[in-house]
N, C-alpha and C. Protein backbone atom coordinates (compact mmCIF):
# COMPACT_ATOMS: atom_id res chain seq x y z
N MET A 1 -4.06 -6.60 -12.39
CA MET A 1 -4.22 -6.42 -10.96
C MET A 1 -3.01 -5.68 -10.43
N ILE A 2 -3.29 -4.71 -9.57
CA ILE A 2 -2.22 -3.96 -8.91
C ILE A 2 -2.40 -4.08 -7.41
N ILE A 3 -1.31 -4.41 -6.72
CA ILE A 3 -1.27 -4.40 -5.26
C ILE A 3 -0.55 -3.11 -4.88
N LEU A 4 -1.18 -2.31 -4.02
CA LEU A 4 -0.71 -0.95 -3.75
C LEU A 4 -0.61 -0.67 -2.26
N ASP A 5 0.39 0.14 -1.89
CA ASP A 5 0.47 0.65 -0.53
C ASP A 5 1.04 2.06 -0.56
N PHE A 6 0.46 2.92 0.27
CA PHE A 6 0.92 4.29 0.45
C PHE A 6 1.41 4.50 1.87
N GLU A 7 2.41 5.35 2.00
CA GLU A 7 2.75 5.96 3.28
C GLU A 7 2.48 7.44 3.09
N THR A 8 1.83 8.05 4.05
CA THR A 8 1.41 9.44 3.92
C THR A 8 1.93 10.28 5.06
N ASN A 9 1.92 11.58 4.83
CA ASN A 9 2.35 12.52 5.87
C ASN A 9 1.17 13.09 6.65
N SER A 10 0.01 13.16 6.02
CA SER A 10 -1.14 13.79 6.67
C SER A 10 -2.42 13.15 6.17
N GLN A 11 -3.53 13.64 6.68
CA GLN A 11 -4.85 13.18 6.23
C GLN A 11 -5.27 13.87 4.93
N ASN A 12 -4.50 14.84 4.47
CA ASN A 12 -4.85 15.56 3.26
C ASN A 12 -4.79 14.62 2.06
N ILE A 13 -5.82 14.67 1.24
CA ILE A 13 -5.91 13.79 0.08
C ILE A 13 -4.71 14.01 -0.83
N GLY A 14 -4.08 12.91 -1.22
CA GLY A 14 -2.94 12.96 -2.13
C GLY A 14 -1.61 13.27 -1.46
N ASP A 15 -1.58 13.42 -0.15
CA ASP A 15 -0.31 13.73 0.53
C ASP A 15 0.48 12.44 0.77
N VAL A 16 0.81 11.79 -0.33
CA VAL A 16 1.54 10.52 -0.33
C VAL A 16 3.03 10.81 -0.38
N ILE A 17 3.79 10.21 0.54
CA ILE A 17 5.24 10.43 0.54
C ILE A 17 6.01 9.19 0.11
N GLU A 18 5.35 8.03 0.08
CA GLU A 18 5.96 6.83 -0.49
C GLU A 18 4.86 5.99 -1.11
N VAL A 19 5.13 5.48 -2.29
CA VAL A 19 4.20 4.57 -2.95
C VAL A 19 4.98 3.35 -3.43
N ALA A 20 4.35 2.20 -3.25
CA ALA A 20 4.89 0.95 -3.80
C ALA A 20 3.72 0.20 -4.42
N ALA A 21 3.98 -0.38 -5.56
CA ALA A 21 2.94 -1.14 -6.25
C ALA A 21 3.59 -2.23 -7.09
N VAL A 22 2.88 -3.33 -7.21
CA VAL A 22 3.30 -4.38 -8.14
C VAL A 22 2.11 -4.67 -9.05
N LYS A 23 2.43 -4.96 -10.30
CA LYS A 23 1.40 -5.28 -11.28
C LYS A 23 1.51 -6.76 -11.60
N LEU A 24 0.36 -7.44 -11.51
CA LEU A 24 0.28 -8.86 -11.81
C LEU A 24 -0.66 -9.06 -12.99
N LYS A 25 -0.32 -10.01 -13.84
CA LYS A 25 -1.20 -10.37 -14.97
C LYS A 25 -1.43 -11.86 -14.94
N LYS A 26 -2.63 -12.25 -15.31
CA LYS A 26 -2.97 -13.68 -15.36
C LYS A 26 -2.46 -14.25 -16.68
N VAL A 27 -1.60 -15.24 -16.55
CA VAL A 27 -1.04 -15.93 -17.71
C VAL A 27 -1.23 -17.42 -17.48
N ASN A 28 -1.98 -18.07 -18.37
CA ASN A 28 -2.26 -19.51 -18.23
C ASN A 28 -2.81 -19.85 -16.84
N ASP A 29 -3.83 -19.12 -16.41
CA ASP A 29 -4.50 -19.34 -15.13
C ASP A 29 -3.61 -19.14 -13.91
N LYS A 30 -2.50 -18.43 -14.08
CA LYS A 30 -1.61 -18.16 -12.96
C LYS A 30 -1.19 -16.70 -13.03
N TYR A 31 -1.12 -16.03 -11.87
CA TYR A 31 -0.70 -14.64 -11.84
C TYR A 31 0.82 -14.55 -11.82
N GLU A 32 1.34 -13.66 -12.68
CA GLU A 32 2.78 -13.42 -12.75
C GLU A 32 3.06 -11.94 -12.55
N LEU A 33 4.16 -11.65 -11.85
CA LEU A 33 4.60 -10.28 -11.65
C LEU A 33 5.13 -9.74 -12.98
N VAL A 34 4.57 -8.61 -13.42
CA VAL A 34 5.00 -8.05 -14.70
C VAL A 34 5.64 -6.67 -14.58
N ASP A 35 5.42 -5.98 -13.44
CA ASP A 35 6.01 -4.65 -13.30
C ASP A 35 5.96 -4.23 -11.83
N LYS A 36 6.86 -3.29 -11.48
CA LYS A 36 6.92 -2.74 -10.13
C LYS A 36 7.00 -1.23 -10.21
N PHE A 37 6.52 -0.57 -9.17
CA PHE A 37 6.57 0.88 -9.08
C PHE A 37 6.89 1.25 -7.65
N HIS A 38 7.92 2.08 -7.44
CA HIS A 38 8.26 2.52 -6.09
C HIS A 38 8.90 3.90 -6.17
N ARG A 39 8.34 4.83 -5.40
CA ARG A 39 8.88 6.20 -5.38
C ARG A 39 8.63 6.87 -4.05
N TYR A 40 9.44 7.89 -3.81
CA TYR A 40 9.29 8.77 -2.64
C TYR A 40 8.92 10.15 -3.15
N TYR A 41 8.04 10.83 -2.39
CA TYR A 41 7.59 12.16 -2.78
C TYR A 41 7.71 13.12 -1.60
N LEU A 42 7.74 14.38 -1.94
CA LEU A 42 7.75 15.44 -0.94
C LEU A 42 6.31 15.72 -0.50
N SER A 43 6.18 16.33 0.67
CA SER A 43 4.88 16.75 1.16
C SER A 43 4.84 18.27 1.15
N ARG A 44 3.66 18.80 0.93
CA ARG A 44 3.48 20.26 0.97
C ARG A 44 3.17 20.73 2.40
N TYR A 45 3.15 19.80 3.34
CA TYR A 45 2.78 20.10 4.72
C TYR A 45 3.94 19.80 5.66
N SER A 46 3.91 20.43 6.83
CA SER A 46 4.96 20.15 7.81
C SER A 46 4.83 18.70 8.30
N VAL A 47 5.90 18.19 8.86
CA VAL A 47 5.93 16.79 9.29
C VAL A 47 4.86 16.55 10.35
N ASN A 48 4.03 15.57 10.09
CA ASN A 48 3.00 15.16 11.04
C ASN A 48 3.65 14.17 12.01
N PRO A 49 3.75 14.51 13.30
CA PRO A 49 4.45 13.63 14.25
C PRO A 49 3.82 12.25 14.37
N TYR A 50 2.51 12.14 14.20
CA TYR A 50 1.84 10.84 14.30
C TYR A 50 2.20 9.97 13.10
N SER A 51 2.23 10.55 11.92
CA SER A 51 2.62 9.80 10.72
C SER A 51 4.09 9.42 10.79
N TYR A 52 4.92 10.35 11.22
CA TYR A 52 6.35 10.07 11.35
C TYR A 52 6.59 8.90 12.30
N GLU A 53 5.85 8.84 13.38
CA GLU A 53 5.99 7.75 14.36
C GLU A 53 5.73 6.39 13.71
N VAL A 54 4.86 6.37 12.70
CA VAL A 54 4.53 5.12 12.02
C VAL A 54 5.62 4.72 11.03
N HIS A 55 6.01 5.63 10.12
CA HIS A 55 6.90 5.23 9.02
C HIS A 55 8.32 5.78 9.09
N LYS A 56 8.58 6.71 9.98
CA LYS A 56 9.93 7.26 10.19
C LYS A 56 10.52 7.97 8.97
N LEU A 57 9.68 8.48 8.09
CA LEU A 57 10.15 9.18 6.90
C LEU A 57 10.18 10.69 7.14
N THR A 58 11.37 11.23 7.26
CA THR A 58 11.55 12.68 7.42
C THR A 58 11.75 13.30 6.03
N PRO A 59 11.55 14.60 5.90
CA PRO A 59 11.84 15.26 4.62
C PRO A 59 13.29 15.03 4.18
N GLU A 60 14.21 15.03 5.14
CA GLU A 60 15.63 14.82 4.80
C GLU A 60 15.87 13.41 4.26
N LEU A 61 15.23 12.42 4.87
CA LEU A 61 15.38 11.04 4.39
C LEU A 61 14.75 10.88 3.01
N ILE A 62 13.62 11.49 2.81
CA ILE A 62 12.97 11.44 1.50
C ILE A 62 13.87 12.08 0.44
N LEU A 63 14.45 13.23 0.76
CA LEU A 63 15.37 13.87 -0.19
C LEU A 63 16.57 12.98 -0.50
N GLU A 64 17.07 12.28 0.50
CA GLU A 64 18.18 11.35 0.28
C GLU A 64 17.76 10.21 -0.64
N HIS A 65 16.57 9.65 -0.43
CA HIS A 65 16.05 8.59 -1.31
C HIS A 65 15.83 9.10 -2.73
N ARG A 66 15.48 10.36 -2.87
CA ARG A 66 15.19 10.95 -4.18
C ARG A 66 16.45 11.44 -4.91
N LYS A 67 17.57 11.43 -4.22
CA LYS A 67 18.81 11.94 -4.81
C LYS A 67 19.04 11.30 -6.19
N ASP A 68 19.35 12.11 -7.16
CA ASP A 68 19.59 11.69 -8.54
C ASP A 68 18.35 11.19 -9.28
N MET A 69 17.18 11.36 -8.69
CA MET A 69 15.93 10.97 -9.36
C MET A 69 15.34 12.19 -10.06
N THR A 70 14.65 11.94 -11.15
CA THR A 70 14.09 13.05 -11.93
C THR A 70 12.57 13.02 -12.02
N TYR A 71 11.92 12.10 -11.33
CA TYR A 71 10.46 12.04 -11.41
C TYR A 71 9.82 13.17 -10.59
N SER A 72 8.53 13.30 -10.70
CA SER A 72 7.77 14.38 -10.05
C SER A 72 8.05 14.46 -8.55
N SER A 73 8.06 15.67 -8.04
CA SER A 73 8.30 15.88 -6.61
C SER A 73 7.09 15.50 -5.76
N TYR A 74 5.89 15.61 -6.34
CA TYR A 74 4.67 15.37 -5.59
C TYR A 74 3.86 14.26 -6.25
N PHE A 75 3.31 13.40 -5.43
CA PHE A 75 2.56 12.24 -5.92
C PHE A 75 1.45 12.63 -6.90
N THR A 76 0.67 13.63 -6.55
CA THR A 76 -0.48 14.00 -7.37
C THR A 76 -0.09 14.53 -8.75
N GLU A 77 1.19 14.79 -8.95
CA GLU A 77 1.67 15.29 -10.25
C GLU A 77 2.43 14.22 -11.04
N ASP A 78 2.47 13.00 -10.54
CA ASP A 78 3.27 11.96 -11.17
C ASP A 78 2.46 11.22 -12.24
N LEU A 79 2.65 11.63 -13.48
CA LEU A 79 1.94 10.99 -14.59
C LEU A 79 2.42 9.57 -14.83
N ASP A 80 3.65 9.24 -14.40
CA ASP A 80 4.16 7.88 -14.54
C ASP A 80 3.32 6.89 -13.73
N PHE A 81 2.87 7.31 -12.56
CA PHE A 81 2.03 6.43 -11.74
C PHE A 81 0.71 6.16 -12.44
N ILE A 82 0.12 7.20 -13.01
CA ILE A 82 -1.14 7.03 -13.74
C ILE A 82 -0.94 6.07 -14.90
N GLU A 83 0.15 6.23 -15.62
CA GLU A 83 0.46 5.33 -16.74
C GLU A 83 0.67 3.90 -16.26
N PHE A 84 1.34 3.73 -15.13
CA PHE A 84 1.57 2.40 -14.55
C PHE A 84 0.24 1.68 -14.30
N CYS A 85 -0.77 2.42 -13.88
CA CYS A 85 -2.06 1.83 -13.52
C CYS A 85 -3.02 1.66 -14.70
N GLU A 86 -2.73 2.26 -15.82
CA GLU A 86 -3.69 2.35 -16.93
C GLU A 86 -4.35 1.05 -17.35
N ASP A 87 -3.63 0.00 -17.53
CA ASP A 87 -4.22 -1.22 -18.08
C ASP A 87 -4.66 -2.22 -17.01
N ALA A 88 -4.67 -1.81 -15.74
CA ALA A 88 -5.11 -2.69 -14.66
C ALA A 88 -6.56 -2.37 -14.30
N ASN A 89 -7.36 -3.41 -14.06
CA ASN A 89 -8.75 -3.15 -13.70
C ASN A 89 -9.07 -3.53 -12.26
N THR A 90 -8.11 -4.13 -11.54
CA THR A 90 -8.34 -4.53 -10.15
C THR A 90 -7.27 -3.93 -9.25
N LEU A 91 -7.71 -3.32 -8.17
CA LEU A 91 -6.80 -2.77 -7.17
C LEU A 91 -6.93 -3.60 -5.90
N VAL A 92 -5.78 -3.98 -5.34
CA VAL A 92 -5.74 -4.75 -4.09
C VAL A 92 -4.91 -3.95 -3.09
N ALA A 93 -5.37 -3.91 -1.84
CA ALA A 93 -4.61 -3.27 -0.78
C ALA A 93 -5.12 -3.79 0.56
N HIS A 94 -4.31 -3.65 1.57
CA HIS A 94 -4.75 -3.94 2.93
C HIS A 94 -5.24 -2.61 3.48
N ASN A 95 -6.53 -2.51 3.70
CA ASN A 95 -7.23 -1.27 4.05
C ASN A 95 -7.34 -0.39 2.80
N ILE A 96 -8.01 -0.92 1.81
CA ILE A 96 -8.10 -0.28 0.49
C ILE A 96 -8.77 1.08 0.53
N SER A 97 -9.65 1.32 1.50
CA SER A 97 -10.31 2.63 1.56
C SER A 97 -9.28 3.74 1.77
N PHE A 98 -8.18 3.44 2.47
CA PHE A 98 -7.10 4.41 2.67
C PHE A 98 -6.45 4.77 1.33
N GLU A 99 -6.09 3.74 0.54
CA GLU A 99 -5.46 4.01 -0.76
C GLU A 99 -6.43 4.71 -1.70
N LEU A 100 -7.67 4.28 -1.73
CA LEU A 100 -8.66 4.91 -2.61
C LEU A 100 -8.86 6.38 -2.26
N ARG A 101 -8.84 6.70 -0.99
CA ARG A 101 -9.00 8.09 -0.57
C ARG A 101 -7.88 8.96 -1.13
N HIS A 102 -6.66 8.45 -1.08
CA HIS A 102 -5.52 9.24 -1.56
C HIS A 102 -5.38 9.20 -3.09
N LEU A 103 -5.93 8.19 -3.73
CA LEU A 103 -5.95 8.17 -5.20
C LEU A 103 -6.91 9.23 -5.72
N ASP A 104 -7.96 9.49 -4.94
CA ASP A 104 -8.98 10.46 -5.29
C ASP A 104 -9.46 10.21 -6.72
N ARG A 105 -9.21 11.13 -7.64
CA ARG A 105 -9.66 10.97 -9.03
C ARG A 105 -8.51 10.69 -9.98
N MET A 106 -7.34 10.41 -9.44
CA MET A 106 -6.16 10.19 -10.31
C MET A 106 -6.32 8.96 -11.20
N VAL A 107 -6.77 7.86 -10.60
CA VAL A 107 -6.86 6.57 -11.29
C VAL A 107 -8.13 5.87 -10.82
N LYS A 108 -8.80 5.19 -11.72
CA LYS A 108 -10.00 4.43 -11.37
C LYS A 108 -9.77 2.95 -11.69
N PHE A 109 -10.33 2.10 -10.83
CA PHE A 109 -10.26 0.65 -11.03
C PHE A 109 -11.68 0.10 -11.01
N GLU A 110 -11.95 -0.87 -11.88
CA GLU A 110 -13.28 -1.48 -11.92
C GLU A 110 -13.55 -2.31 -10.67
N ASN A 111 -12.52 -2.99 -10.18
CA ASN A 111 -12.68 -3.91 -9.05
C ASN A 111 -11.72 -3.53 -7.92
N HIS A 112 -12.19 -3.76 -6.70
CA HIS A 112 -11.37 -3.51 -5.50
C HIS A 112 -11.40 -4.76 -4.63
N PHE A 113 -10.24 -5.07 -4.04
CA PHE A 113 -10.17 -6.20 -3.11
C PHE A 113 -9.36 -5.76 -1.91
N CYS A 114 -9.96 -5.83 -0.74
CA CYS A 114 -9.31 -5.39 0.49
C CYS A 114 -8.97 -6.60 1.35
N THR A 115 -7.69 -6.88 1.52
CA THR A 115 -7.28 -8.03 2.33
C THR A 115 -7.62 -7.83 3.81
N MET A 116 -7.79 -6.61 4.24
CA MET A 116 -8.18 -6.36 5.62
C MET A 116 -9.66 -6.74 5.82
N LYS A 117 -10.53 -6.17 5.00
CA LYS A 117 -11.96 -6.42 5.15
C LYS A 117 -12.32 -7.88 4.86
N GLU A 118 -11.67 -8.45 3.86
CA GLU A 118 -11.95 -9.85 3.50
C GLU A 118 -11.52 -10.82 4.59
N ASN A 119 -10.61 -10.40 5.45
CA ASN A 119 -10.10 -11.28 6.51
C ASN A 119 -10.69 -10.99 7.89
N LYS A 120 -11.57 -10.03 8.00
CA LYS A 120 -12.13 -9.65 9.31
C LYS A 120 -12.75 -10.85 10.02
N LYS A 121 -13.61 -11.59 9.32
CA LYS A 121 -14.30 -12.72 9.95
C LYS A 121 -13.47 -14.00 9.92
N ILE A 122 -12.35 -13.97 9.23
CA ILE A 122 -11.45 -15.13 9.18
C ILE A 122 -10.42 -15.03 10.30
N VAL A 123 -9.74 -13.88 10.38
CA VAL A 123 -8.69 -13.67 11.38
C VAL A 123 -9.29 -13.52 12.79
N LYS A 124 -10.44 -12.85 12.87
CA LYS A 124 -11.15 -12.62 14.14
C LYS A 124 -10.27 -11.92 15.17
N ALA A 125 -9.55 -10.89 14.73
CA ALA A 125 -8.77 -10.07 15.66
C ALA A 125 -9.74 -9.32 16.56
N LEU A 126 -9.34 -9.13 17.81
CA LEU A 126 -10.23 -8.48 18.77
C LEU A 126 -9.73 -7.10 19.16
N ASN A 127 -10.67 -6.19 19.35
CA ASN A 127 -10.31 -4.86 19.86
C ASN A 127 -10.24 -4.91 21.38
N LYS A 128 -9.98 -3.79 22.01
CA LYS A 128 -9.80 -3.76 23.47
C LYS A 128 -11.07 -4.13 24.23
N ASN A 129 -12.22 -4.04 23.56
CA ASN A 129 -13.49 -4.41 24.20
C ASN A 129 -13.89 -5.85 23.94
N GLY A 130 -13.02 -6.59 23.22
CA GLY A 130 -13.30 -8.00 22.93
C GLY A 130 -14.18 -8.23 21.72
N ASN A 131 -14.39 -7.20 20.91
CA ASN A 131 -15.19 -7.33 19.69
C ASN A 131 -14.28 -7.56 18.48
N ILE A 132 -14.80 -8.27 17.49
CA ILE A 132 -14.02 -8.50 16.27
C ILE A 132 -13.82 -7.18 15.54
N LYS A 133 -12.58 -6.94 15.12
CA LYS A 133 -12.22 -5.70 14.42
C LYS A 133 -11.53 -6.06 13.10
N ASN A 134 -11.33 -5.04 12.28
CA ASN A 134 -10.53 -5.24 11.07
C ASN A 134 -9.10 -5.55 11.49
N PRO A 135 -8.51 -6.63 10.96
CA PRO A 135 -7.15 -6.99 11.38
C PRO A 135 -6.10 -6.12 10.71
N LYS A 136 -5.10 -5.73 11.49
CA LYS A 136 -3.96 -5.01 10.93
C LYS A 136 -3.16 -5.99 10.07
N LEU A 137 -2.25 -5.44 9.29
CA LEU A 137 -1.44 -6.27 8.40
C LEU A 137 -0.67 -7.32 9.18
N ASP A 138 -0.06 -6.95 10.29
CA ASP A 138 0.71 -7.92 11.07
C ASP A 138 -0.18 -9.01 11.66
N GLU A 139 -1.38 -8.66 12.08
CA GLU A 139 -2.31 -9.66 12.61
C GLU A 139 -2.74 -10.65 11.54
N THR A 140 -2.94 -10.15 10.32
CA THR A 140 -3.33 -11.02 9.22
C THR A 140 -2.17 -11.94 8.84
N CYS A 141 -0.97 -11.39 8.80
CA CYS A 141 0.21 -12.23 8.50
C CYS A 141 0.39 -13.30 9.57
N ASN A 142 0.25 -12.92 10.83
CA ASN A 142 0.38 -13.90 11.91
C ASN A 142 -0.64 -15.02 11.78
N PHE A 143 -1.87 -14.68 11.42
CA PHE A 143 -2.91 -15.69 11.24
C PHE A 143 -2.51 -16.70 10.17
N TYR A 144 -1.95 -16.20 9.05
CA TYR A 144 -1.57 -17.08 7.93
C TYR A 144 -0.15 -17.64 8.09
N LYS A 145 0.47 -17.39 9.25
CA LYS A 145 1.83 -17.88 9.53
C LYS A 145 2.84 -17.38 8.49
N ILE A 146 2.71 -16.10 8.16
CA ILE A 146 3.64 -15.42 7.25
C ILE A 146 4.64 -14.66 8.12
N ASP A 147 5.92 -14.87 7.88
CA ASP A 147 6.95 -14.16 8.64
C ASP A 147 6.69 -12.66 8.56
N PHE A 148 6.88 -11.98 9.68
CA PHE A 148 6.61 -10.55 9.73
C PHE A 148 7.68 -9.85 10.53
N ASP A 149 8.21 -8.76 9.98
CA ASP A 149 9.28 -7.99 10.62
C ASP A 149 8.72 -6.63 11.04
N ASP A 150 8.58 -6.41 12.34
CA ASP A 150 8.02 -5.15 12.85
C ASP A 150 8.85 -3.93 12.48
N VAL A 151 10.15 -4.12 12.22
CA VAL A 151 11.01 -3.00 11.85
C VAL A 151 10.73 -2.55 10.41
N LYS A 152 10.44 -3.50 9.52
CA LYS A 152 10.18 -3.17 8.11
C LYS A 152 8.72 -2.75 7.87
N TYR A 153 7.85 -3.06 8.83
CA TYR A 153 6.43 -2.71 8.74
C TYR A 153 6.30 -1.21 8.49
N HIS A 154 5.39 -0.84 7.64
CA HIS A 154 5.11 0.53 7.23
C HIS A 154 6.17 1.09 6.29
N SER A 155 6.91 0.22 5.66
CA SER A 155 7.64 0.57 4.44
C SER A 155 6.69 0.12 3.34
N ALA A 156 6.41 0.98 2.39
CA ALA A 156 5.41 0.64 1.37
C ALA A 156 5.78 -0.64 0.62
N THR A 157 7.06 -0.83 0.31
CA THR A 157 7.46 -2.04 -0.43
C THR A 157 7.24 -3.29 0.43
N TYR A 158 7.54 -3.20 1.70
CA TYR A 158 7.35 -4.34 2.60
C TYR A 158 5.87 -4.68 2.73
N ASP A 159 5.05 -3.66 2.92
CA ASP A 159 3.61 -3.88 3.09
C ASP A 159 2.98 -4.48 1.83
N VAL A 160 3.43 -4.06 0.66
CA VAL A 160 2.94 -4.66 -0.59
C VAL A 160 3.34 -6.13 -0.66
N SER A 161 4.57 -6.43 -0.29
CA SER A 161 5.03 -7.83 -0.35
C SER A 161 4.21 -8.71 0.60
N LYS A 162 3.85 -8.20 1.75
CA LYS A 162 3.06 -8.98 2.71
C LYS A 162 1.61 -9.13 2.24
N THR A 163 1.07 -8.09 1.62
CA THR A 163 -0.27 -8.19 1.05
C THR A 163 -0.30 -9.24 -0.05
N TYR A 164 0.73 -9.29 -0.85
CA TYR A 164 0.86 -10.31 -1.90
C TYR A 164 0.88 -11.71 -1.28
N GLU A 165 1.65 -11.88 -0.23
CA GLU A 165 1.70 -13.19 0.44
C GLU A 165 0.35 -13.58 1.03
N ILE A 166 -0.38 -12.61 1.57
CA ILE A 166 -1.71 -12.89 2.11
C ILE A 166 -2.63 -13.38 0.99
N LEU A 167 -2.59 -12.71 -0.16
CA LEU A 167 -3.41 -13.13 -1.30
C LEU A 167 -3.11 -14.57 -1.70
N LYS A 168 -1.83 -14.93 -1.68
CA LYS A 168 -1.45 -16.31 -2.02
C LYS A 168 -2.02 -17.30 -1.00
N ARG A 169 -1.93 -16.96 0.29
CA ARG A 169 -2.46 -17.85 1.34
C ARG A 169 -3.98 -17.95 1.27
N MET A 170 -4.61 -16.89 0.80
CA MET A 170 -6.08 -16.90 0.65
C MET A 170 -6.51 -17.64 -0.62
N ASN A 171 -5.52 -18.06 -1.42
CA ASN A 171 -5.76 -18.71 -2.72
C ASN A 171 -6.51 -17.82 -3.70
N ILE A 172 -6.25 -16.51 -3.60
CA ILE A 172 -6.83 -15.55 -4.53
C ILE A 172 -5.97 -15.48 -5.79
N ILE A 173 -4.67 -15.62 -5.63
CA ILE A 173 -3.77 -15.64 -6.78
C ILE A 173 -2.91 -16.89 -6.76
């Protein structure tokens, strides 16, 4: 099982500028963390102001994070990520359709679990019209009484850690 989160620069498929993932394996009926993956990538597109407003990742900051790193410059060219995912058959994410869209054909998983969709009727977050909507990560954490830091929100590593905590509260792992 892999828990995954992307931060992106644009709606273009594969335009991932930060990826974080943890790999869990079931050992004696209990899931254990066996590996982690975290990287920053460049974008082939100019900075999208809407995306920047969410994650605050500028090209300069990404270059600073990448300093002294030798992995691929672009997510879609990172064979290490594909290798990281090879032996996992389940992908977990909060709003998994977003991650699947950007994975495109890079990696396939037999099973998908979306903590956002699975919690829609549990969290019962409301939109501006008073209708039940898909809960954001912070709304889901608040429902499960998981500490949440709005400043760290939309860091891929932070979002993966919160998705992991949600899975534990849901008794999935």
